[in-house]
PDB file of N, CA and C in Angstrom:
ATOM      1  N   MET A   1      -7.841 -14.109 -21.654  1.00  0.00           N
ATOM      2  CA  MET A   1      -5.940 -14.158 -21.421  1.00  0.00           C
ATOM      3  C   MET A   1      -5.964 -15.037 -20.344  1.00  0.00           C
ATOM      4  N   ALA A   2      -4.652 -15.333 -20.150  1.00  0.00           N
ATOM      5  CA  ALA A   2      -4.384 -16.515 -19.454  1.00  0.00           C
ATOM      6  C   ALA A   2      -3.707 -16.026 -18.317  1.00  0.00           C
ATOM      7  N   ASN A   3      -4.168 -16.606 -16.972  1.00  0.00           N
ATOM      8  CA  ASN A   3      -4.183 -16.262 -15.827  1.00  0.00           C
ATOM      9  C   ASN A   3      -2.320 -15.438 -15.212  1.00  0.00           C
ATOM     10  N   LEU A   4      -2.960 -14.477 -14.554  1.00  0.00           N
ATOM     11  CA  LEU A   4      -1.975 -13.797 -15.008  1.00  0.00           C
ATOM     12  C   LEU A   4      -0.964 -14.365 -13.384  1.00  0.00           C
ATOM     13  N   LYS A   5       0.611 -14.350 -13.317  1.00  0.00           N
ATOM     14  CA  LYS A   5       1.576 -14.458 -12.170  1.00  0.00           C
ATOM     15  C   LYS A   5       2.089 -13.430 -12.135  1.00  0.00           C
ATOM     16  N   PHE A   6       1.272 -13.361 -10.470  1.00  0.00           N
ATOM     17  CA  PHE A   6       2.118 -11.849  -9.065  1.00  0.00           C
ATOM     18  C   PHE A   6       3.098 -12.300  -9.086  1.00  0.00           C
ATOM     19  N   ASN A   7       4.455 -11.520  -9.241  1.00  0.00           N
ATOM     20  CA  ASN A   7       6.135 -11.570  -8.286  1.00  0.00           C
ATOM     21  C   ASN A   7       5.559 -11.705  -7.034  1.00  0.00           C
ATOM     22  N   LYS A   8       5.758 -12.411  -5.732  1.00  0.00           N
ATOM     23  CA  LYS A   8       5.648 -12.455  -4.880  1.00  0.00           C
ATOM     24  C   LYS A   8       6.239 -10.880  -3.765  1.00  0.00           C
ATOM     25  N   THR A   9       7.742 -11.088  -4.210  1.00  0.00           N
ATOM     26  CA  THR A   9       8.677 -10.161  -3.630  1.00  0.00           C
ATOM     27  C   THR A   9       7.975  -8.363  -4.538  1.00  0.00           C
ATOM     28  N   ILE A  10       7.450  -8.128  -5.062  1.00  0.00           N
ATOM     29  CA  ILE A  10       7.560  -7.267  -6.074  1.00  0.00           C
ATOM     30  C   ILE A  10       6.035  -6.903  -4.657  1.00  0.00           C
ATOM     31  N   ILE A  11       4.975  -7.962  -5.043  1.00  0.00           N
ATOM     32  CA  ILE A  11       3.617  -7.673  -3.844  1.00  0.00           C
ATOM     33  C   ILE A  11       4.683  -7.036  -2.361  1.00  0.00           C
ATOM     34  N   SER A  12       5.107  -7.467  -1.800  1.00  0.00           N
ATOM     35  CA  SER A  12       4.896  -6.892  -0.915  1.00  0.00           C
ATOM     36  C   SER A  12       5.705  -6.420  -0.360  1.00  0.00           C
ATOM     37  N   LYS A  13       6.601  -5.985  -1.638  1.00  0.00           N
ATOM     38  CA  LYS A  13       7.825  -4.664  -1.956  1.00  0.00           C
ATOM     39  C   LYS A  13       6.275  -3.524  -2.070  1.00  0.00           C
ATOM     40  N   ILE A  14       5.180  -3.262  -2.699  1.00  0.00           N
ATOM     41  CA  ILE A  14       3.816  -2.668  -2.560  1.00  0.00           C
ATOM     42  C   ILE A  14       3.642  -2.475  -1.302  1.00  0.00           C
ATOM     43  N   GLU A  15       3.325  -3.390  -0.563  1.00  0.00           N
ATOM     44  CA  GLU A  15       2.582  -3.855   1.529  1.00  0.00           C
ATOM     45  C   GLU A  15       3.915  -2.789   1.554  1.00  0.00           C
ATOM     46  N   SER A  16       5.090  -3.239   2.309  1.00  0.00           N
ATOM     47  CA  SER A  16       5.608  -2.149   2.834  1.00  0.00           C
ATOM     48  C   SER A  16       5.662  -1.141   2.517  1.00  0.00           C
ATOM     49  N   THR A  17       6.114  -0.597   1.205  1.00  0.00           N
ATOM     50  CA  THR A  17       5.888   0.188   0.639  1.00  0.00           C
ATOM     51  C   THR A  17       4.246   2.362   1.336  1.00  0.00           C
ATOM     52  N   ILE A  18       3.582   0.711   0.875  1.00  0.00           N
ATOM     53  CA  ILE A  18       2.298   2.016   1.212  1.00  0.00           C
ATOM     54  C   ILE A  18       1.822   1.731   2.917  1.00  0.00           C
ATOM     55  N   THR A  19       2.355   1.434   3.510  1.00  0.00           N
ATOM     56  CA  THR A  19       2.414   1.005   4.756  1.00  0.00           C
ATOM     57  C   THR A  19       3.116   2.121   4.888  1.00  0.00           C
ATOM     58  N   GLY A  20       5.310   1.867   4.927  1.00  0.00           N
ATOM     59  CA  GLY A  20       5.395   3.440   5.753  1.00  0.00           C
ATOM     60  C   GLY A  20       5.322   4.546   4.661  1.00  0.00           C
ATOM     61  N   LEU A  21       4.201   5.419   3.382  1.00  0.00           N
ATOM     62  CA  LEU A  21       3.920   5.815   3.227  1.00  0.00           C
ATOM     63  C   LEU A  21       2.646   6.491   4.391  1.00  0.00           C
ATOM     64  N   ILE A  22       2.729   6.065   4.775  1.00  0.00           N
ATOM     65  CA  ILE A  22       1.109   6.448   5.899  1.00  0.00           C
ATOM     66  C   ILE A  22       1.881   6.505   7.174  1.00  0.00           C
ATOM     67  N   ARG A  23       2.921   5.154   8.071  1.00  0.00           N
ATOM     68  CA  ARG A  23       3.340   5.576   8.927  1.00  0.00           C
ATOM     69  C   ARG A  23       4.256   7.320   8.621  1.00  0.00           C
ATOM     70  N   GLU A  24       4.662   7.823   7.525  1.00  0.00           N
ATOM     71  CA  GLU A  24       5.889   8.589   7.713  1.00  0.00           C
ATOM     72  C   GLU A  24       4.466   9.809   7.459  1.00  0.00           C
ATOM     73  N   GLU A  25       3.377   9.276   7.308  1.00  0.00           N
ATOM     74  CA  GLU A  25       2.243  10.966   7.033  1.00  0.00           C
ATOM     75  C   GLU A  25       2.214  11.264   8.452  1.00  0.00           C
ATOM     76  N   ILE A  26       1.897  10.479   9.480  1.00  0.00           N
ATOM     77  CA  ILE A  26       1.347  10.418  10.403  1.00  0.00           C
ATOM     78  C   ILE A  26       2.694  10.865  11.010  1.00  0.00           C
ATOM     79  N   THR A  27       3.479  10.550  11.125  1.00  0.00           N
ATOM     80  CA  THR A  27       5.046  11.055  11.577  1.00  0.00           C
ATOM     81  C   THR A  27       5.643  12.589  11.377  1.00  0.00           C
ATOM     82  N   ARG A  28       4.553  12.902  10.023  1.00  0.00           N
ATOM     83  CA  ARG A  28       4.870  13.764   9.896  1.00  0.00           C
ATOM     84  C   ARG A  28       3.915  15.221  10.066  1.00  0.00           C
ATOM     85  N   GLN A  29       2.629  14.661  10.281  1.00  0.00           N
ATOM     86  CA  GLN A  29       1.551  15.102  11.091  1.00  0.00           C
ATOM     87  C   GLN A  29       1.708  14.920  12.837  1.00  0.00           C
ATOM     88  N   ASP A  30       2.732  14.274  12.959  1.00  0.00           N
ATOM     89  CA  ASP A  30       3.100  14.453  15.040  1.00  0.00           C
ATOM     90  C   ASP A  30       1.360  13.576  15.629  1.00  0.00           C
ATOM     91  N   LEU A  31       0.728  12.702  15.043  1.00  0.00           N
ATOM     92  CA  LEU A  31      -0.503  12.348  15.356  1.00  0.00           C
ATOM     93  C   LEU A  31       0.098  11.391  16.050  1.00  0.00           C
ATOM     94  N   ILE A  32       1.869  11.142  16.925  1.00  0.00           N
ATOM     95  CA  ILE A  32       1.938   9.830  17.543  1.00  0.00           C
ATOM     96  C   ILE A  32       1.650  10.214  19.362  1.00  0.00           C
ATOM     97  N   ASP A  33       1.004   9.467  19.375  1.00  0.00           N
ATOM     98  CA  ASP A  33       0.908   9.571  21.290  1.00  0.00           C
ATOM     99  C   ASP A  33       1.424   8.639  21.751  1.00  0.00           C
ATOM    100  N   THR A  34       0.798   7.160  21.583  1.00  0.00           N
ATOM    101  CA  THR A  34       0.827   5.893  22.312  1.00  0.00           C
ATOM    102  C   THR A  34       2.156   5.025  22.060  1.00  0.00           C
ATOM    103  N   GLY A  35       1.646   5.125  20.383  1.00  0.00           N
ATOM    104  CA  GLY A  35       2.033   4.677  19.151  1.00  0.00           C
ATOM    105  C   GLY A  35       1.649   3.604  18.602  1.00  0.00           C
ATOM    106  N   ASN A  36      -0.160   3.032  19.029  1.00  0.00           N
ATOM    107  CA  ASN A  36      -0.752   2.101  19.122  1.00  0.00           C
ATOM    108  C   ASN A  36      -1.057   2.395  18.087  1.00  0.00           C
ATOM    109  N   MET A  37      -0.995   3.307  16.925  1.00  0.00           N
ATOM    110  CA  MET A  37      -1.627   3.345  15.321  1.00  0.00           C
ATOM    111  C   MET A  37      -1.208   3.380  15.071  1.00  0.00           C
ATOM    112  N   ILE A  38       0.171   3.097  14.679  1.00  0.00           N
ATOM    113  CA  ILE A  38       1.290   3.315  13.693  1.00  0.00           C
ATOM    114  C   ILE A  38       1.610   1.934  13.548  1.00  0.00           C
ATOM    115  N   ARG A  39       1.828   1.430  15.165  1.00  0.00           N
ATOM    116  CA  ARG A  39       2.098   0.060  14.849  1.00  0.00           C
ATOM    117  C   ARG A  39       1.303  -1.220  14.510  1.00  0.00           C
ATOM    118  N   SER A  40      -0.156  -0.648  15.015  1.00  0.00           N
ATOM    119  CA  SER A  40      -0.997  -1.432  13.483  1.00  0.00           C
ATOM    120  C   SER A  40      -0.715  -1.263  12.510  1.00  0.00           C
ATOM    121  N   ILE A  41      -0.910  -1.154  11.835  1.00  0.00           N
ATOM    122  CA  ILE A  41      -1.280  -0.134  10.521  1.00  0.00           C
ATOM    123  C   ILE A  41      -0.119  -1.687   9.558  1.00  0.00           C
ATOM    124  N   LYS A  42      -1.034  -2.227   7.993  1.00  0.00           N
ATOM    125  CA  LYS A  42      -0.359  -2.709   7.995  1.00  0.00           C
ATOM    126  C   LYS A  42      -1.515  -3.156   6.022  1.00  0.00           C
ATOM    127  N   THR A  43      -1.180  -3.215   5.952  1.00  0.00           N
ATOM    128  CA  THR A  43      -0.933  -3.913   4.745  1.00  0.00           C
ATOM    129  C   THR A  43      -1.117  -4.696   3.817  1.00  0.00           C
ATOM    130  N   THR A  44      -1.747  -5.253   3.143  1.00  0.00           N
ATOM    131  CA  THR A  44      -2.114  -6.644   2.684  1.00  0.00           C
ATOM    132  C   THR A  44      -3.101  -6.775   1.282  1.00  0.00           C
ATOM    133  N   ALA A  45      -2.268  -7.431   0.018  1.00  0.00           N
ATOM    134  CA  ALA A  45      -2.657  -7.895  -1.045  1.00  0.00           C
ATOM    135  C   ALA A  45      -3.398  -8.512  -1.483  1.00  0.00           C
ATOM    136  N   LYS A  46      -4.528  -9.354  -2.024  1.00  0.00           N
ATOM    137  CA  LYS A  46      -5.125 -10.425  -1.796  1.00  0.00           C
ATOM    138  C   LYS A  46      -5.358  -9.939  -3.635  1.00  0.00           C
ATOM    139  N   VAL A  47      -4.556 -11.154  -4.116  1.00  0.00           N
ATOM    140  CA  VAL A  47      -4.139 -11.485  -5.348  1.00  0.00           C
ATOM    141  C   VAL A  47      -5.903 -12.964  -6.208  1.00  0.00           C
ATOM    142  N   SER A  48      -6.464 -12.055  -7.137  1.00  0.00           N
ATOM    143  CA  SER A  48      -6.812 -12.758  -7.947  1.00  0.00           C
ATOM    144  C   SER A  48      -6.498 -13.288  -9.147  1.00  0.00           C
ATOM    145  N   SER A  49      -6.902 -14.088  -9.813  1.00  0.00           N
ATOM    146  CA  SER A  49      -6.478 -14.858 -11.616  1.00  0.00           C
ATOM    147  C   SER A  49      -5.720 -13.832 -12.584  1.00  0.00           C
ATOM    148  N   ASN A  50      -6.326 -12.280 -12.507  1.00  0.00           N
ATOM    149  CA  ASN A  50      -5.953 -11.437 -13.490  1.00  0.00           C
ATOM    150  C   ASN A  50      -5.332  -9.843 -12.302  1.00  0.00           C
ATOM    151  N   ASN A  51      -6.237 -10.368 -11.490  1.00  0.00           N
ATOM    152  CA  ASN A  51      -6.082  -8.690 -10.627  1.00  0.00           C
ATOM    153  C   ASN A  51      -5.946  -9.226  -9.255  1.00  0.00           C
ATOM    154  N   PHE A  52      -5.616  -7.096  -8.530  1.00  0.00           N
ATOM    155  CA  PHE A  52      -5.363  -7.750  -7.157  1.00  0.00           C
ATOM    156  C   PHE A  52      -5.853  -6.082  -6.720  1.00  0.00           C
ATOM    157  N   THR A  53      -5.894  -6.506  -5.486  1.00  0.00           N
ATOM    158  CA  THR A  53      -6.259  -5.250  -4.195  1.00  0.00           C
ATOM    159  C   THR A  53      -6.061  -5.320  -3.215  1.00  0.00           C
ATOM    160  N   PHE A  54      -4.978  -3.995  -2.390  1.00  0.00           N
ATOM    161  CA  PHE A  54      -4.865  -3.848  -1.250  1.00  0.00           C
ATOM    162  C   PHE A  54      -5.482  -3.008  -0.520  1.00  0.00           C
ATOM    163  N   SER A  55      -5.211  -3.234   0.365  1.00  0.00           N
ATOM    164  CA  SER A  55      -6.040  -3.311   1.752  1.00  0.00           C
ATOM    165  C   SER A  55      -5.333  -2.448   3.221  1.00  0.00           C
ATOM    166  N   VAL A  56      -5.450  -1.822   3.530  1.00  0.00           N
ATOM    167  CA  VAL A  56      -4.756  -1.037   4.843  1.00  0.00           C
ATOM    168  C   VAL A  56      -6.146  -1.490   5.960  1.00  0.00           C
ATOM    169  N   GLU A  57      -5.210  -1.827   7.233  1.00  0.00           N
ATOM    170  CA  GLU A  57      -5.438  -2.503   8.371  1.00  0.00           C
ATOM    171  C   GLU A  57      -4.921  -1.465   9.077  1.00  0.00           C
ATOM    172  N   ALA A  58      -6.020  -0.752  10.573  1.00  0.00           N
ATOM    173  CA  ALA A  58      -5.257  -0.664  11.642  1.00  0.00           C
ATOM    174  C   ALA A  58      -6.053  -0.373  12.392  1.00  0.00           C
ATOM    175  N   VAL A  59      -5.388  -0.375  13.495  1.00  0.00           N
ATOM    176  CA  VAL A  59      -6.656   0.260  14.860  1.00  0.00           C
ATOM    177  C   VAL A  59      -7.766   0.813  14.793  1.00  0.00           C
ATOM    178  N   ASP A  60      -8.882   0.780  15.362  1.00  0.00           N
ATOM    179  CA  ASP A  60     -10.115   1.576  14.376  1.00  0.00           C
ATOM    180  C   ASP A  60     -10.338   2.478  14.691  1.00  0.00           C
ATOM    181  N   TYR A  61     -10.244   3.157  16.116  1.00  0.00           N
ATOM    182  CA  TYR A  61     -10.155   4.477  15.761  1.00  0.00           C
ATOM    183  C   TYR A  61      -9.040   5.206  14.343  1.00  0.00           C
ATOM    184  N   PHE A  62      -8.260   5.031  14.005  1.00  0.00           N
ATOM    185  CA  PHE A  62      -7.335   5.245  12.562  1.00  0.00           C
ATOM    186  C   PHE A  62      -8.687   5.615  12.206  1.00  0.00           C
ATOM    187  N   LYS A  63     -10.126   4.937  11.768  1.00  0.00           N
ATOM    188  CA  LYS A  63     -10.922   5.822  11.045  1.00  0.00           C
ATOM    189  C   LYS A  63     -11.287   7.293  10.953  1.00  0.00           C
ATOM    190  N   TYR A  64     -11.183   7.924  12.080  1.00  0.00           N
ATOM    191  CA  TYR A  64     -11.699   8.985  13.279  1.00  0.00           C
ATOM    192  C   TYR A  64     -10.235   9.771  12.395  1.00  0.00           C
ATOM    193  N   ILE A  65      -9.265   9.156  13.072  1.00  0.00           N
ATOM    194  CA  ILE A  65      -8.056  10.644  12.463  1.00  0.00           C
ATOM    195  C   ILE A  65      -7.980  10.832  11.397  1.00  0.00           C
ATOM    196  N   ASP A  66      -7.999   9.672  10.696  1.00  0.00           N
ATOM    197  CA  ASP A  66      -7.595  10.048   8.554  1.00  0.00           C
ATOM    198  C   ASP A  66      -8.934  11.161   8.208  1.00  0.00           C
ATOM    199  N   GLY A  67     -10.231  10.576   9.526  1.00  0.00           N
ATOM    200  CA  GLY A  67     -11.022  11.881   8.376  1.00  0.00           C
ATOM    201  C   GLY A  67     -11.016  12.970   8.987  1.00  0.00           C
ATOM    202  N   ASP A  68     -10.740  13.175  10.384  1.00  0.00           N
ATOM    203  CA  ASP A  68      -9.326  14.644  10.416  1.00  0.00           C
ATOM    204  C   ASP A  68      -8.606  15.423   9.967  1.00  0.00           C
ATOM    205  N   TYR A  69      -7.677  14.334   9.350  1.00  0.00           N
ATOM    206  CA  TYR A  69      -6.225  14.750   9.618  1.00  0.00           C
ATOM    207  C   TYR A  69      -6.342  14.301   7.950  1.00  0.00           C
ATOM    208  N   ASN A  70      -6.739  13.806   7.484  1.00  0.00           N
ATOM    209  CA  ASN A  70      -7.104  13.200   5.968  1.00  0.00           C
ATOM    210  C   ASN A  70      -5.644  12.748   5.678  1.00  0.00           C
ATOM    211  N   ILE A  71      -4.913  11.407   6.364  1.00  0.00           N
ATOM    212  CA  ILE A  71      -3.476  10.247   6.064  1.00  0.00           C
ATOM    213  C   ILE A  71      -3.512  10.066   4.747  1.00  0.00           C
ATOM    214  N   VAL A  72      -4.422   8.846   5.049  1.00  0.00           N
ATOM    215  CA  VAL A  72      -5.100   8.768   3.163  1.00  0.00           C
ATOM    216  C   VAL A  72      -4.604   8.677   2.133  1.00  0.00           C
ATOM    217  N   SER A  73      -5.496   9.850   1.924  1.00  0.00           N
ATOM    218  CA  SER A  73      -5.570  11.541   1.017  1.00  0.00           C
ATOM    219  C   SER A  73      -4.280  11.780   0.652  1.00  0.00           C
ATOM    220  N   ASN A  74      -3.320  12.693   1.603  1.00  0.00           N
ATOM    221  CA  ASN A  74      -2.384  12.705   1.787  1.00  0.00           C
ATOM    222  C   ASN A  74      -1.080  11.815   0.619  1.00  0.00           C
ATOM    223  N   VAL A  75      -1.412  10.925   1.720  1.00  0.00           N
ATOM    224  CA  VAL A  75      -1.045   9.291   1.258  1.00  0.00           C
ATOM    225  C   VAL A  75      -0.777   9.600  -0.586  1.00  0.00           C
ATOM    226  N   MET A  76      -1.765   9.615  -0.993  1.00  0.00           N
ATOM    227  CA  MET A  76      -2.070   9.096  -2.536  1.00  0.00           C
ATOM    228  C   MET A  76      -1.812  10.787  -3.056  1.00  0.00           C
ATOM    229  N   LYS A  77      -1.929  10.980  -2.518  1.00  0.00           N
ATOM    230  CA  LYS A  77      -1.276  12.956  -3.674  1.00  0.00           C
ATOM    231  C   LYS A  77      -0.195  12.949  -3.373  1.00  0.00           C
ATOM    232  N   GLY A  78       0.748  12.215  -2.370  1.00  0.00           N
ATOM    233  CA  GLY A  78       2.469  12.705  -2.251  1.00  0.00           C
ATOM    234  C   GLY A  78       3.291  12.675  -3.133  1.00  0.00           C
ATOM    235  N   GLY A  79       4.449  13.021  -3.296  1.00  0.00           N
ATOM    236  CA  GLY A  79       4.869  12.705  -4.041  1.00  0.00           C
ATOM    237  C   GLY A  79       5.784  11.110  -3.700  1.00  0.00           C
ATOM    238  N   GLY A  80       6.022  10.516  -2.507  1.00  0.00           N
ATOM    239  CA  GLY A  80       5.944   9.427  -1.914  1.00  0.00           C
ATOM    240  C   GLY A  80       5.624   8.143  -3.095  1.00  0.00           C
ATOM    241  N   TYR A  81       4.081   8.333  -3.395  1.00  0.00           N
ATOM    242  CA  TYR A  81       2.718   7.456  -4.451  1.00  0.00           C
ATOM    243  C   TYR A  81       3.668   6.780  -5.099  1.00  0.00           C
ATOM    244  N   THR A  82       4.189   7.524  -5.290  1.00  0.00           N
ATOM    245  CA  THR A  82       4.752   7.648  -7.420  1.00  0.00           C
ATOM    246  C   THR A  82       5.765   6.030  -6.759  1.00  0.00           C
ATOM    247  N   LEU A  83       5.994   6.453  -5.883  1.00  0.00           N
ATOM    248  CA  LEU A  83       6.760   4.823  -5.951  1.00  0.00           C
ATOM    249  C   LEU A  83       6.238   3.478  -5.893  1.00  0.00           C
ATOM    250  N   VAL A  84       5.054   3.358  -5.474  1.00  0.00           N
ATOM    251  CA  VAL A  84       3.256   3.066  -5.832  1.00  0.00           C
ATOM    252  C   VAL A  84       3.222   2.363  -6.455  1.00  0.00           C
ATOM    253  N   GLU A  85       3.245   3.824  -7.567  1.00  0.00           N
ATOM    254  CA  GLU A  85       2.713   3.096  -8.620  1.00  0.00           C
ATOM    255  C   GLU A  85       3.886   2.448  -9.927  1.00  0.00           C
ATOM    256  N   GLY A  86       5.043   2.737  -9.404  1.00  0.00           N
ATOM    257  CA  GLY A  86       6.454   2.296 -10.371  1.00  0.00           C
ATOM    258  C   GLY A  86       6.093   0.703  -9.817  1.00  0.00           C
ATOM    259  N   LEU A  87       6.144   0.654  -8.464  1.00  0.00           N
ATOM    260  CA  LEU A  87       5.837  -0.953  -8.288  1.00  0.00           C
ATOM    261  C   LEU A  87       4.863  -1.361  -9.459  1.00  0.00           C
ATOM    262  N   ILE A  88       3.594  -0.701  -9.032  1.00  0.00           N
ATOM    263  CA  ILE A  88       2.360  -1.958 -10.116  1.00  0.00           C
ATOM    264  C   ILE A  88       2.988  -2.152 -10.959  1.00  0.00           C
ATOM    265  N   GLN A  89       3.268  -1.084 -12.225  1.00  0.00           N
ATOM    266  CA  GLN A  89       3.818  -0.963 -13.259  1.00  0.00           C
ATOM    267  C   GLN A  89       4.906  -2.279 -13.593  1.00  0.00           C
ATOM    268  N   GLU A  90       5.523  -2.386 -12.638  1.00  0.00           N
ATOM    269  CA  GLU A  90       6.501  -3.448 -12.068  1.00  0.00           C
ATOM    270  C   GLU A  90       5.943  -4.962 -11.977  1.00  0.00           C
ATOM    271  N   LEU A  91       4.859  -4.820 -11.381  1.00  0.00           N
ATOM    272  CA  LEU A  91       3.830  -5.565 -11.490  1.00  0.00           C
ATOM    273  C   LEU A  91       3.338  -6.538 -12.408  1.00  0.00           C
ATOM    274  N   TYR A  92       2.665  -5.008 -12.967  1.00  0.00           N
ATOM    275  CA  TYR A  92       2.275  -5.790 -14.436  1.00  0.00           C
ATOM    276  C   TYR A  92       3.326  -6.670 -16.164  1.00  0.00           C
ATOM    277  N   VAL A  93       4.729  -5.639 -15.888  1.00  0.00           N
ATOM    278  CA  VAL A  93       5.093  -5.710 -17.089  1.00  0.00           C
ATOM    279  C   VAL A  93       5.942  -6.725 -16.310  1.00  0.00           C
ATOM    280  N   ASP A  94       5.947  -7.100 -15.351  1.00  0.00           N
ATOM    281  CA  ASP A  94       6.736  -8.919 -14.347  1.00  0.00           C
ATOM    282  C   ASP A  94       5.555 -10.476 -15.252  1.00  0.00           C
ATOM    283  N   ALA A  95       4.507 -10.884 -14.605  1.00  0.00           N
ATOM    284  CA  ALA A  95       3.624  -9.989 -14.980  1.00  0.00           C
ATOM    285  C   ALA A  95       3.361 -11.354 -16.826  1.00  0.00           C
ATOM    286  N   LEU A  96       2.966 -10.265 -17.204  1.00  0.00           N
ATOM    287  CA  LEU A  96       2.989 -10.304 -18.905  1.00  0.00           C
ATOM    288  C   LEU A  96       4.200 -10.806 -19.399  1.00  0.00           C
ATOM    289  N   GLU A  97       5.527 -10.590 -18.870  1.00  0.00           N
ATOM    290  CA  GLU A  97       6.091 -10.668 -19.567  1.00  0.00           C
ATOM    291  C   GLU A  97       6.962 -12.615 -19.252  1.00  0.00           C
ATOM    292  N   ASN A  98       5.745 -13.012 -17.836  1.00  0.00           N
ATOM    293  CA  ASN A  98       6.366 -14.447 -18.263  1.00  0.00           C
ATOM    294  C   ASN A  98       5.388 -14.634 -18.617  1.00  0.00           C
ATOM    295  N   SER A  99       4.348 -14.576 -17.898  1.00  0.00           N
ATOM    296  CA  SER A  99       2.929 -15.121 -18.786  1.00  0.00           C
ATOM    297  C   SER A  99       2.831 -15.267 -20.693  1.00  0.00           C
ATOM    298  N   ILE A 100       4.338 -14.834 -21.177  1.00  0.00           N
ATOM    299  CA  ILE A 100       4.389 -14.599 -22.522  1.00  0.00           C
ATOM    300  C   ILE A 100       5.545 -15.989 -21.929  1.00  0.00           C
ATOM    301  N   GLU A 101       5.808 -16.480 -21.589  1.00  0.00           N
ATOM    302  CA  GLU A 101       7.065 -17.761 -22.033  1.00  0.00           C
ATOM    303  C   GLU A 101       6.707 -19.145 -22.008  1.00  0.00           C
TER     304      GLU A 101
END
């Protein structure tokens, strides 16, 4: 299989959507004190030849808050995550279409 070329604009949309969903969940659960945690959240993509991974970075204590309040789990099973799934599908369709040309 030829290397896929992933659209950077769509990847950027996915990164910002995941970041936004996590921030919304933190806000929904009223977990904002100083705002440092919510401002620290950043999603980045690592792209390789035929796939990609997304990682979420945040202040160290996010892992404890997430452990107590299931922030990431709630985002993954929430309705907003279907936006991410749709964008990932769009990303692969775009990459496959462009690899055929």
